[in-house]
Amino acid sequence: MSDTLAHFDETTFKTALAGPVPVLVDFWAPWCGPCKAIAPILAELAKELDGKLMIGKVNVDDHSSLAEAYSVRAIPTMLVFKGGQLVETLVGMQSKDNLKSKLLAHL
């Protein structure tokens, strides 16, 4: 995935979770200031962890059913899945160092 983040819908979300690497899913919206602030951090991590982790985004305005399915009540909310199972939930703005350490624990 190099320098780009995946944009998930209901179908691509399920496909990604079934894949061989852990997945961080960023639930966001275009009007959310903290979501915009964390986007460059996620892009950097996608580059640094390429091949070890997939990072994708779910626009809660367009795919509210996914947000509801995982009880996402605030954004940004980042969910980490490993082997298709939810293993970590991070809510709100996160520093790059904090995010990276949380992600490395699941690789």
Protein backbone atom coordinates (compact mmCIF):
# COMPACT_ATOMS: atom_id res chain seq x y z
CA MET A 1 0.00 0.00 0.00
CA SER A 2 3.05 2.24 0.08
CA ASP A 3 2.11 5.86 0.59
CA THR A 4 -1.65 5.56 0.22
CA LEU A 5 -4.33 4.53 2.63
CA ALA A 6 -7.15 2.21 1.64
CA HIS A 7 -10.68 3.60 1.70
CA PHE A 8 -12.99 0.89 2.97
CA ASP A 9 -16.64 0.25 2.29
CA GLU A 10 -18.59 -2.71 3.68
CA THR A 11 -17.14 -5.14 1.13
CA THR A 12 -13.50 -4.04 1.11
CA PHE A 13 -13.56 -3.82 4.92
CA LYS A 14 -14.47 -7.52 5.23
CA THR A 15 -11.89 -8.47 2.61
CA ALA A 16 -9.14 -6.56 4.43
CA LEU A 17 -9.96 -8.18 7.77
CA ALA A 18 -9.66 -11.60 6.14
CA GLY A 19 -6.17 -10.77 4.85
CA PRO A 20 -2.84 -12.00 6.21
CA VAL A 21 -1.72 -8.82 8.01
CA PRO A 22 -3.18 -6.80 10.90
CA VAL A 23 -5.42 -3.90 9.88
CA LEU A 24 -5.85 -0.47 11.47
CA VAL A 25 -9.19 1.06 10.52
CA ASP A 26 -9.56 4.81 10.99
CA PHE A 27 -13.20 5.87 11.40
CA TRP A 28 -13.33 9.52 10.34
CA ALA A 29 -15.39 12.25 8.65
CA PRO A 30 -14.35 15.13 6.37
CA TRP A 31 -15.68 17.76 8.82
CA CYS A 32 -13.69 16.38 11.79
CA GLY A 33 -10.67 18.54 12.71
CA PRO A 34 -8.80 15.88 14.74
CA CYS A 35 -9.41 13.40 11.90
CA LYS A 36 -7.66 15.76 9.49
CA ALA A 37 -4.80 16.23 11.96
CA ILE A 38 -4.14 12.50 12.36
CA ALA A 39 -4.32 11.71 8.61
CA PRO A 40 -0.65 12.59 7.88
CA ILE A 41 0.47 10.47 10.85
CA LEU A 42 -1.45 7.49 9.48
CA ALA A 43 0.06 8.06 6.03
CA GLU A 44 3.58 8.04 7.52
CA LEU A 45 2.86 4.86 9.47
CA ALA A 46 1.45 3.22 6.33
CA LYS A 47 4.80 3.84 4.62
CA GLU A 48 6.88 2.72 7.60
CA LEU A 49 4.90 -0.46 8.22
CA ASP A 50 4.19 -1.33 4.58
CA GLY A 51 3.79 -5.09 4.16
CA LYS A 52 3.43 -5.64 7.91
CA LEU A 53 0.16 -3.78 8.47
CA MET A 54 -2.68 -2.39 6.37
CA ILE A 55 -4.13 1.01 7.25
CA GLY A 56 -7.50 2.02 5.89
CA LYS A 57 -10.17 4.61 6.45
CA VAL A 58 -13.94 4.43 6.83
CA ASN A 59 -15.91 7.64 6.27
CA VAL A 60 -18.64 7.42 8.93
CA ASP A 61 -20.92 9.72 6.93
CA ASP A 62 -20.84 7.35 3.94
CA HIS A 63 -20.64 4.04 5.83
CA SER A 64 -22.53 4.57 9.07
CA SER A 65 -23.46 0.87 9.27
CA LEU A 66 -19.79 -0.03 9.83
CA ALA A 67 -19.47 2.60 12.55
CA GLU A 68 -22.63 1.30 14.22
CA ALA A 69 -21.47 -2.32 13.99
CA TYR A 70 -18.37 -1.45 16.03
CA SER A 71 -20.08 1.04 18.38
CA VAL A 72 -18.04 3.98 17.11
CA ARG A 73 -19.43 6.95 19.05
CA ALA A 74 -16.64 9.51 18.59
CA ILE A 75 -14.16 10.22 15.82
CA PRO A 76 -11.43 9.68 15.14
CA THR A 77 -11.69 6.13 16.40
CA MET A 78 -9.07 3.65 15.26
CA LEU A 79 -9.69 -0.06 15.55
CA VAL A 80 -6.90 -2.61 15.16
CA PHE A 81 -7.80 -6.07 13.90
CA LYS A 82 -5.57 -9.14 13.85
CA GLY A 83 -6.77 -12.41 12.37
CA GLY A 84 -10.13 -10.74 11.81
CA GLN A 85 -10.57 -10.05 15.53
CA LEU A 86 -10.65 -6.64 17.21
CA VAL A 87 -7.53 -6.36 19.39
CA GLU A 88 -7.21 -2.62 20.11
CA THR A 89 -9.42 0.48 20.21
CA LEU A 90 -7.95 3.99 20.16
CA VAL A 91 -10.23 7.02 20.44
CA GLY A 92 -9.23 10.61 19.75
CA MET A 93 -6.03 12.23 18.58
CA GLN A 94 -2.94 10.06 19.08
CA SER A 95 0.74 10.89 18.79
CA LYS A 96 2.72 9.04 16.14
CA ASP A 97 4.92 7.41 18.80
CA ASN A 98 1.91 6.17 20.78
CA LEU A 99 0.18 4.82 17.69
CA LYS A 100 3.31 3.12 16.42
CA SER A 101 4.02 1.43 19.76
CA LYS A 102 0.42 0.17 19.96
CA LEU A 103 0.61 -1.16 16.40
CA LEU A 104 4.01 -2.81 16.82
CA ALA A 105 2.59 -4.79 19.74
CA HIS A 106 0.22 -6.51 17.30
CA LEU A 107 2.70 -7.37 14.54
